[in-house]
Each structure stands twice: as structure tokens, then as C-alpha cells.
Amino acid sequence: MEVIASVDGNGKILSISQNCFDVWKLASDELIGRSIFDILYTEDQLTAQQALLSATFMKQPTKFECRVNGATAWLCRCTGPLGGQT
């Protein structure tokens, strides 16, 4: 099962699929507006930050893997801004 989320350049969750509760045991309304880094394992935060920077500022699609606290591994693909957003 996949969870699809949109985050801004600072990692703030803008939208997230409703099945996040089934996968991560966190409701979407708990996550909207929070930092994605708040729910990641501490050891994985630097990798996620680097991928987000690469996607946002260098517009380089990046694949990375990080774990959500209390869940199994989460494979994520990060891409650049949507629709000309920065």
C-alpha cells in the first residue's frame, strides 16, 4: 500500500492520501501542516532533507528510503515543484 504526500520546500506536509492511517497509524488531519521530518526516524532525517533540497532547489528527481516512526520502511520518490511552484 502506498501513501502519497505533497510537501513544500521546508518539508511541511501540504496534502496526504487518506490511507496514511492504514500504513503509518497516523490520520491525515494529524499530518497536514506538520513537518515530514517530525514523523521520520532521527537517523533518516538527514537523507530526507538532502533529497528534498535536491528536488526543490536543484530540480533533480531523487529516490530515497526512510522510515516513519512506528512503521515499516517507506520508499519515497521526491520530485521538483509542481506547476511552477517554488
PDB file of N, CA and C in Angstrom:
ATOM      1  N   MET A   1       0.845  -1.165   0.000  1.00  0.00           N
ATOM      2  CA  MET A   1       0.000   0.000   0.000  1.00  0.00           C
ATOM      3  C   MET A   1       0.896   1.236   0.000  1.00  0.00           C
ATOM      4  N   GLU A   2       0.491   2.247  -0.735  1.00  0.00           N
ATOM      5  CA  GLU A   2       1.253   3.478  -0.856  1.00  0.00           C
ATOM      6  C   GLU A   2       0.599   4.619  -0.103  1.00  0.00           C
ATOM      7  N   VAL A   3       1.449   5.521   0.363  1.00  0.00           N
ATOM      8  CA  VAL A   3       0.989   6.796   0.887  1.00  0.00           C
ATOM      9  C   VAL A   3       1.597   7.846  -0.031  1.00  0.00           C
ATOM     10  N   ILE A   4       0.766   8.727  -0.543  1.00  0.00           N
ATOM     11  CA  ILE A   4       1.232   9.790  -1.429  1.00  0.00           C
ATOM     12  C   ILE A   4       1.048  11.107  -0.698  1.00  0.00           C
ATOM     13  N   ALA A   5       2.138  11.880  -0.653  1.00  0.00           N
ATOM     14  CA  ALA A   5       2.089  13.162   0.051  1.00  0.00           C
ATOM     15  C   ALA A   5       2.741  14.242  -0.796  1.00  0.00           C
ATOM     16  N   SER A   6       2.283  15.456  -0.614  1.00  0.00           N
ATOM     17  CA  SER A   6       2.923  16.636  -1.193  1.00  0.00           C
ATOM     18  C   SER A   6       3.485  17.439  -0.037  1.00  0.00           C
ATOM     19  N   VAL A   7       4.751  17.832  -0.168  1.00  0.00           N
ATOM     20  CA  VAL A   7       5.387  18.651   0.861  1.00  0.00           C
ATOM     21  C   VAL A   7       5.994  19.885   0.204  1.00  0.00           C
ATOM     22  N   ASP A   8       6.120  20.952   0.983  1.00  0.00           N
ATOM     23  CA  ASP A   8       6.749  22.150   0.438  1.00  0.00           C
ATOM     24  C   ASP A   8       8.271  22.052   0.600  1.00  0.00           C
ATOM     25  N   GLY A   9       8.974  23.090   0.216  1.00  0.00           N
ATOM     26  CA  GLY A   9      10.428  23.085   0.252  1.00  0.00           C
ATOM     27  C   GLY A   9      11.031  22.963   1.637  1.00  0.00           C
ATOM     28  N   ASN A  10      10.235  23.196   2.669  1.00  0.00           N
ATOM     29  CA  ASN A  10      10.708  23.055   4.043  1.00  0.00           C
ATOM     30  C   ASN A  10      10.293  21.732   4.674  1.00  0.00           C
ATOM     31  N   GLY A  11       9.575  20.908   3.911  1.00  0.00           N
ATOM     32  CA  GLY A  11       9.133  19.618   4.438  1.00  0.00           C
ATOM     33  C   GLY A  11       7.759  19.642   5.074  1.00  0.00           C
ATOM     34  N   LYS A  12       7.051  20.770   4.992  1.00  0.00           N
ATOM     35  CA  LYS A  12       5.698  20.862   5.554  1.00  0.00           C
ATOM     36  C   LYS A  12       4.736  20.060   4.683  1.00  0.00           C
ATOM     37  N   ILE A  13       3.951  19.191   5.304  1.00  0.00           N
ATOM     38  CA  ILE A  13       3.002  18.354   4.579  1.00  0.00           C
ATOM     39  C   ILE A  13       1.810  19.207   4.146  1.00  0.00           C
ATOM     40  N   LEU A  14       1.611  19.285   2.831  1.00  0.00           N
ATOM     41  CA  LEU A  14       0.515  20.077   2.270  1.00  0.00           C
ATOM     42  C   LEU A  14      -0.723  19.235   2.023  1.00  0.00           C
ATOM     43  N   SER A  15      -0.515  18.009   1.582  1.00  0.00           N
ATOM     44  CA  SER A  15      -1.623  17.072   1.370  1.00  0.00           C
ATOM     45  C   SER A  15      -1.067  15.664   1.513  1.00  0.00           C
ATOM     46  N   ILE A  16      -1.960  14.749   1.837  1.00  0.00           N
ATOM     47  CA  ILE A  16      -1.535  13.360   2.032  1.00  0.00           C
ATOM     48  C   ILE A  16      -2.732  12.449   1.795  1.00  0.00           C
ATOM     49  N   SER A  17      -2.477  11.288   1.244  1.00  0.00           N
ATOM     50  CA  SER A  17      -3.572  10.363   0.954  1.00  0.00           C
ATOM     51  C   SER A  17      -4.188   9.823   2.252  1.00  0.00           C
ATOM     52  N   GLN A  18      -5.459   9.503   2.171  1.00  0.00           N
ATOM     53  CA  GLN A  18      -6.221   9.064   3.342  1.00  0.00           C
ATOM     54  C   GLN A  18      -5.741   7.737   3.914  1.00  0.00           C
ATOM     55  N   ASN A  19      -5.071   6.919   3.102  1.00  0.00           N
ATOM     56  CA  ASN A  19      -4.647   5.611   3.592  1.00  0.00           C
ATOM     57  C   ASN A  19      -3.406   5.689   4.486  1.00  0.00           C
ATOM     58  N   CYS A  20      -2.947   6.908   4.822  1.00  0.00           N
ATOM     59  CA  CYS A  20      -1.789   7.039   5.701  1.00  0.00           C
ATOM     60  C   CYS A  20      -2.052   6.375   7.061  1.00  0.00           C
ATOM     61  N   PHE A  21      -3.313   6.345   7.506  1.00  0.00           N
ATOM     62  CA  PHE A  21      -3.601   5.697   8.788  1.00  0.00           C
ATOM     63  C   PHE A  21      -3.368   4.194   8.695  1.00  0.00           C
ATOM     64  N   ASP A  22      -3.789   3.582   7.587  1.00  0.00           N
ATOM     65  CA  ASP A  22      -3.598   2.146   7.413  1.00  0.00           C
ATOM     66  C   ASP A  22      -2.117   1.773   7.393  1.00  0.00           C
ATOM     67  N   VAL A  23      -1.298   2.643   6.814  1.00  0.00           N
ATOM     68  CA  VAL A  23       0.122   2.350   6.652  1.00  0.00           C
ATOM     69  C   VAL A  23       0.935   2.800   7.861  1.00  0.00           C
ATOM     70  N   TRP A  24       0.712   4.026   8.325  1.00  0.00           N
ATOM     71  CA  TRP A  24       1.550   4.609   9.373  1.00  0.00           C
ATOM     72  C   TRP A  24       0.866   4.737  10.722  1.00  0.00           C
ATOM     73  N   LYS A  25      -0.435   4.446  10.786  1.00  0.00           N
ATOM     74  CA  LYS A  25      -1.222   4.614  12.016  1.00  0.00           C
ATOM     75  C   LYS A  25      -1.288   6.081  12.447  1.00  0.00           C
ATOM     76  N   LEU A  26      -1.259   6.971  11.463  1.00  0.00           N
ATOM     77  CA  LEU A  26      -1.405   8.410  11.687  1.00  0.00           C
ATOM     78  C   LEU A  26      -2.481   8.916  10.743  1.00  0.00           C
ATOM     79  N   ALA A  27      -3.441   9.679  11.256  1.00  0.00           N
ATOM     80  CA  ALA A  27      -4.531  10.205  10.438  1.00  0.00           C
ATOM     81  C   ALA A  27      -4.052  11.395   9.614  1.00  0.00           C
ATOM     82  N   SER A  28      -4.631  11.559   8.425  1.00  0.00           N
ATOM     83  CA  SER A  28      -4.208  12.646   7.539  1.00  0.00           C
ATOM     84  C   SER A  28      -4.395  14.007   8.191  1.00  0.00           C
ATOM     85  N   ASP A  29      -5.468  14.196   8.944  1.00  0.00           N
ATOM     86  CA  ASP A  29      -5.677  15.505   9.576  1.00  0.00           C
ATOM     87  C   ASP A  29      -4.665  15.792  10.686  1.00  0.00           C
ATOM     88  N   GLU A  30      -4.014  14.756  11.214  1.00  0.00           N
ATOM     89  CA  GLU A  30      -2.928  14.943  12.178  1.00  0.00           C
ATOM     90  C   GLU A  30      -1.642  15.373  11.488  1.00  0.00           C
ATOM     91  N   LEU A  31      -1.523  15.063  10.198  1.00  0.00           N
ATOM     92  CA  LEU A  31      -0.267  15.275   9.487  1.00  0.00           C
ATOM     93  C   LEU A  31      -0.223  16.558   8.664  1.00  0.00           C
ATOM     94  N   ILE A  32      -1.353  16.998   8.135  1.00  0.00           N
ATOM     95  CA  ILE A  32      -1.393  18.210   7.313  1.00  0.00           C
ATOM     96  C   ILE A  32      -0.872  19.379   8.153  1.00  0.00           C
ATOM     97  N   GLY A  33       0.096  20.092   7.607  1.00  0.00           N
ATOM     98  CA  GLY A  33       0.676  21.244   8.293  1.00  0.00           C
ATOM     99  C   GLY A  33       1.895  20.919   9.147  1.00  0.00           C
ATOM    100  N   ARG A  34       2.112  19.644   9.427  1.00  0.00           N
ATOM    101  CA  ARG A  34       3.291  19.230  10.198  1.00  0.00           C
ATOM    102  C   ARG A  34       4.478  19.056   9.273  1.00  0.00           C
ATOM    103  N   SER A  35       5.647  19.034   9.852  1.00  0.00           N
ATOM    104  CA  SER A  35       6.858  18.750   9.087  1.00  0.00           C
ATOM    105  C   SER A  35       6.975  17.242   8.876  1.00  0.00           C
ATOM    106  N   ILE A  36       7.327  16.851   7.674  1.00  0.00           N
ATOM    107  CA  ILE A  36       7.541  15.427   7.394  1.00  0.00           C
ATOM    108  C   ILE A  36       8.655  14.880   8.290  1.00  0.00           C
ATOM    109  N   PHE A  37       9.580  15.748   8.677  1.00  0.00           N
ATOM    110  CA  PHE A  37      10.708  15.312   9.495  1.00  0.00           C
ATOM    111  C   PHE A  37      10.282  14.933  10.911  1.00  0.00           C
ATOM    112  N   ASP A  38       9.126  15.435  11.364  1.00  0.00           N
ATOM    113  CA  ASP A  38       8.610  15.097  12.687  1.00  0.00           C
ATOM    114  C   ASP A  38       8.265  13.621  12.823  1.00  0.00           C
ATOM    115  N   ILE A  39       7.954  12.980  11.703  1.00  0.00           N
ATOM    116  CA  ILE A  39       7.495  11.586  11.789  1.00  0.00           C
ATOM    117  C   ILE A  39       8.536  10.587  11.305  1.00  0.00           C
ATOM    118  N   LEU A  40       9.712  11.071  10.903  1.00  0.00           N
ATOM    119  CA  LEU A  40      10.766  10.179  10.420  1.00  0.00           C
ATOM    120  C   LEU A  40      11.705   9.783  11.547  1.00  0.00           C
ATOM    121  N   TYR A  41      12.277   8.596  11.422  1.00  0.00           N
ATOM    122  CA  TYR A  41      13.325   8.192  12.345  1.00  0.00           C
ATOM    123  C   TYR A  41      14.424   9.246  12.287  1.00  0.00           C
ATOM    124  N   THR A  42      14.994   9.566  13.425  1.00  0.00           N
ATOM    125  CA  THR A  42      16.058  10.565  13.507  1.00  0.00           C
ATOM    126  C   THR A  42      17.207  10.218  12.566  1.00  0.00           C
ATOM    127  N   GLU A  43      17.568   8.950  12.492  1.00  0.00           N
ATOM    128  CA  GLU A  43      18.686   8.517  11.644  1.00  0.00           C
ATOM    129  C   GLU A  43      18.417   8.753  10.159  1.00  0.00           C
ATOM    130  N   ASP A  44      17.168   8.892   9.772  1.00  0.00           N
ATOM    131  CA  ASP A  44      16.807   9.037   8.354  1.00  0.00           C
ATOM    132  C   ASP A  44      16.529  10.486   7.960  1.00  0.00           C
ATOM    133  N   GLN A  45      16.508  11.387   8.906  1.00  0.00           N
ATOM    134  CA  GLN A  45      16.128  12.770   8.612  1.00  0.00           C
ATOM    135  C   GLN A  45      17.119  13.473   7.677  1.00  0.00           C
ATOM    136  N   LEU A  46      18.413  13.265   7.853  1.00  0.00           N
ATOM    137  CA  LEU A  46      19.400  13.920   7.000  1.00  0.00           C
ATOM    138  C   LEU A  46      19.246  13.473   5.550  1.00  0.00           C
ATOM    139  N   THR A  47      19.042  12.189   5.327  1.00  0.00           N
ATOM    140  CA  THR A  47      18.827  11.666   3.971  1.00  0.00           C
ATOM    141  C   THR A  47      17.604  12.309   3.340  1.00  0.00           C
ATOM    142  N   ALA A  48      16.528  12.412   4.105  1.00  0.00           N
ATOM    143  CA  ALA A  48      15.298  13.018   3.592  1.00  0.00           C
ATOM    144  C   ALA A  48      15.502  14.504   3.302  1.00  0.00           C
ATOM    145  N   GLN A  49      16.224  15.219   4.168  1.00  0.00           N
ATOM    146  CA  GLN A  49      16.494  16.639   3.947  1.00  0.00           C
ATOM    147  C   GLN A  49      17.314  16.855   2.676  1.00  0.00           C
ATOM    148  N   GLN A  50      18.313  16.011   2.465  1.00  0.00           N
ATOM    149  CA  GLN A  50      19.143  16.126   1.268  1.00  0.00           C
ATOM    150  C   GLN A  50      18.327  15.860   0.005  1.00  0.00           C
ATOM    151  N   ALA A  51      17.455  14.878   0.050  1.00  0.00           N
ATOM    152  CA  ALA A  51      16.603  14.567  -1.108  1.00  0.00           C
ATOM    153  C   ALA A  51      15.639  15.714  -1.386  1.00  0.00           C
ATOM    154  N   LEU A  52      15.072  16.292  -0.356  1.00  0.00           N
ATOM    155  CA  LEU A  52      14.152  17.411  -0.522  1.00  0.00           C
ATOM    156  C   LEU A  52      14.872  18.626  -1.106  1.00  0.00           C
ATOM    157  N   LEU A  53      16.067  18.906  -0.626  1.00  0.00           N
ATOM    158  CA  LEU A  53      16.857  20.015  -1.177  1.00  0.00           C
ATOM    159  C   LEU A  53      17.175  19.782  -2.645  1.00  0.00           C
ATOM    160  N   SER A  54      17.574  18.570  -2.966  1.00  0.00           N
ATOM    161  CA  SER A  54      17.895  18.231  -4.350  1.00  0.00           C
ATOM    162  C   SER A  54      16.693  18.412  -5.254  1.00  0.00           C
ATOM    163  N   ALA A  55      15.549  17.974  -4.794  1.00  0.00           N
ATOM    164  CA  ALA A  55      14.326  18.061  -5.595  1.00  0.00           C
ATOM    165  C   ALA A  55      13.833  19.497  -5.712  1.00  0.00           C
ATOM    166  N   THR A  56      13.875  20.230  -4.623  1.00  0.00           N
ATOM    167  CA  THR A  56      13.297  21.572  -4.592  1.00  0.00           C
ATOM    168  C   THR A  56      14.176  22.601  -5.277  1.00  0.00           C
ATOM    169  N   PHE A  57      15.447  22.620  -4.943  1.00  0.00           N
ATOM    170  CA  PHE A  57      16.308  23.690  -5.425  1.00  0.00           C
ATOM    171  C   PHE A  57      17.100  23.330  -6.674  1.00  0.00           C
ATOM    172  N   MET A  58      17.520  22.076  -6.791  1.00  0.00           N
ATOM    173  CA  MET A  58      18.282  21.676  -7.962  1.00  0.00           C
ATOM    174  C   MET A  58      17.389  20.990  -8.995  1.00  0.00           C
ATOM    175  N   LYS A  59      16.103  20.809  -8.634  1.00  0.00           N
ATOM    176  CA  LYS A  59      15.111  20.185  -9.512  1.00  0.00           C
ATOM    177  C   LYS A  59      15.589  18.842 -10.066  1.00  0.00           C
ATOM    178  N   GLN A  60      16.235  18.072  -9.193  1.00  0.00           N
ATOM    179  CA  GLN A  60      16.732  16.745  -9.526  1.00  0.00           C
ATOM    180  C   GLN A  60      15.842  15.690  -8.890  1.00  0.00           C
ATOM    181  N   PRO A  61      15.148  14.872  -9.700  1.00  0.00           N
ATOM    182  CA  PRO A  61      14.374  13.770  -9.104  1.00  0.00           C
ATOM    183  C   PRO A  61      15.307  12.889  -8.281  1.00  0.00           C
ATOM    184  N   THR A  62      14.859  12.510  -7.108  1.00  0.00           N
ATOM    185  CA  THR A  62      15.703  11.769  -6.183  1.00  0.00           C
ATOM    186  C   THR A  62      14.913  10.627  -5.579  1.00  0.00           C
ATOM    187  N   LYS A  63      15.514   9.451  -5.542  1.00  0.00           N
ATOM    188  CA  LYS A  63      14.913   8.319  -4.837  1.00  0.00           C
ATOM    189  C   LYS A  63      15.637   8.177  -3.511  1.00  0.00           C
ATOM    190  N   PHE A  64      14.879   7.940  -2.471  1.00  0.00           N
ATOM    191  CA  PHE A  64      15.486   7.701  -1.177  1.00  0.00           C
ATOM    192  C   PHE A  64      14.558   6.840  -0.350  1.00  0.00           C
ATOM    193  N   GLU A  65      15.102   6.261   0.692  1.00  0.00           N
ATOM    194  CA  GLU A  65      14.318   5.423   1.588  1.00  0.00           C
ATOM    195  C   GLU A  65      14.488   5.935   3.000  1.00  0.00           C
ATOM    196  N   CYS A  66      13.386   6.064   3.693  1.00  0.00           N
ATOM    197  CA  CYS A  66      13.434   6.460   5.095  1.00  0.00           C
ATOM    198  C   CYS A  66      12.293   5.756   5.813  1.00  0.00           C
ATOM    199  N   ARG A  67      12.399   5.734   7.113  1.00  0.00           N
ATOM    200  CA  ARG A  67      11.404   5.038   7.920  1.00  0.00           C
ATOM    201  C   ARG A  67      10.560   6.029   8.693  1.00  0.00           C
ATOM    202  N   VAL A  68       9.277   5.743   8.752  1.00  0.00           N
ATOM    203  CA  VAL A  68       8.348   6.531   9.552  1.00  0.00           C
ATOM    204  C   VAL A  68       8.297   5.893  10.932  1.00  0.00           C
ATOM    205  N   ASN A  69       8.346   6.725  11.971  1.00  0.00           N
ATOM    206  CA  ASN A  69       8.301   6.218  13.337  1.00  0.00           C
ATOM    207  C   ASN A  69       7.122   5.265  13.511  1.00  0.00           C
ATOM    208  N   GLY A  70       7.408   4.070  13.990  1.00  0.00           N
ATOM    209  CA  GLY A  70       6.366   3.101  14.270  1.00  0.00           C
ATOM    210  C   GLY A  70       5.861   2.334  13.056  1.00  0.00           C
ATOM    211  N   ALA A  71       6.482   2.529  11.900  1.00  0.00           N
ATOM    212  CA  ALA A  71       6.032   1.846  10.680  1.00  0.00           C
ATOM    213  C   ALA A  71       7.208   1.127  10.031  1.00  0.00           C
ATOM    214  N   THR A  72       6.912   0.407   8.986  1.00  0.00           N
ATOM    215  CA  THR A  72       7.958  -0.276   8.238  1.00  0.00           C
ATOM    216  C   THR A  72       8.620   0.709   7.273  1.00  0.00           C
ATOM    217  N   ALA A  73       9.585   0.257   6.526  1.00  0.00           N
ATOM    218  CA  ALA A  73      10.327   1.121   5.606  1.00  0.00           C
ATOM    219  C   ALA A  73       9.386   1.820   4.632  1.00  0.00           C
ATOM    220  N   TRP A  74       9.719   3.009   4.313  1.00  0.00           N
ATOM    221  CA  TRP A  74       8.938   3.853   3.411  1.00  0.00           C
ATOM    222  C   TRP A  74       9.833   4.255   2.261  1.00  0.00           C
ATOM    223  N   LEU A  75       9.525   3.809   1.075  1.00  0.00           N
ATOM    224  CA  LEU A  75      10.303   4.177  -0.100  1.00  0.00           C
ATOM    225  C   LEU A  75       9.643   5.385  -0.723  1.00  0.00           C
ATOM    226  N   CYS A  76      10.426   6.400  -0.994  1.00  0.00           N
ATOM    227  CA  CYS A  76       9.867   7.665  -1.434  1.00  0.00           C
ATOM    228  C   CYS A  76      10.592   8.172  -2.664  1.00  0.00           C
ATOM    229  N   ARG A  77       9.868   8.738  -3.581  1.00  0.00           N
ATOM    230  CA  ARG A  77      10.475   9.426  -4.703  1.00  0.00           C
ATOM    231  C   ARG A  77      10.095  10.891  -4.573  1.00  0.00           C
ATOM    232  N   CYS A  78      11.085  11.709  -4.640  1.00  0.00           N
ATOM    233  CA  CYS A  78      10.902  13.139  -4.471  1.00  0.00           C
ATOM    234  C   CYS A  78      11.122  13.797  -5.837  1.00  0.00           C
ATOM    235  N   THR A  79      10.248  14.685  -6.241  1.00  0.00           N
ATOM    236  CA  THR A  79      10.446  15.395  -7.495  1.00  0.00           C
ATOM    237  C   THR A  79      10.397  16.890  -7.229  1.00  0.00           C
ATOM    238  N   GLY A  80      10.652  17.673  -8.256  1.00  0.00           N
ATOM    239  CA  GLY A  80      10.681  19.130  -8.111  1.00  0.00           C
ATOM    240  C   GLY A  80       9.293  19.723  -7.929  1.00  0.00           C
ATOM    241  N   PRO A  81       9.250  21.055  -7.847  1.00  0.00           N
ATOM    242  CA  PRO A  81       7.978  21.757  -7.633  1.00  0.00           C
ATOM    243  C   PRO A  81       6.946  21.438  -8.705  1.00  0.00           C
ATOM    244  N   LEU A  82       5.689  21.410  -8.301  1.00  0.00           N
ATOM    245  CA  LEU A  82       4.583  21.172  -9.214  1.00  0.00           C
ATOM    246  C   LEU A  82       4.073  22.485  -9.781  1.00  0.00           C
ATOM    247  N   GLY A  83       3.724  22.499 -11.025  1.00  0.00           N
ATOM    248  CA  GLY A  83       3.059  23.637 -11.637  1.00  0.00           C
ATOM    249  C   GLY A  83       3.759  24.967 -11.436  1.00  0.00           C
ATOM    250  N   GLY A  84       5.082  24.990 -11.468  1.00  0.00           N
ATOM    251  CA  GLY A  84       5.819  26.222 -11.350  1.00  0.00           C
ATOM    252  C   GLY A  84       5.952  26.752  -9.933  1.00  0.00           C
ATOM    253  N   GLN A  85       5.513  25.974  -8.931  1.00  0.00           N
ATOM    254  CA  GLN A  85       5.636  26.410  -7.543  1.00  0.00           C
ATOM    255  C   GLN A  85       7.094  26.358  -7.132  1.00  0.00           C
ATOM    256  N   THR A  86       7.462  27.222  -6.205  1.00  0.00           N
ATOM    257  CA  THR A  86       8.810  27.179  -5.662  1.00  0.00           C
ATOM    258  C   THR A  86       8.763  27.144  -4.162  1.00  0.00           C
TER     259      THR A  86
END
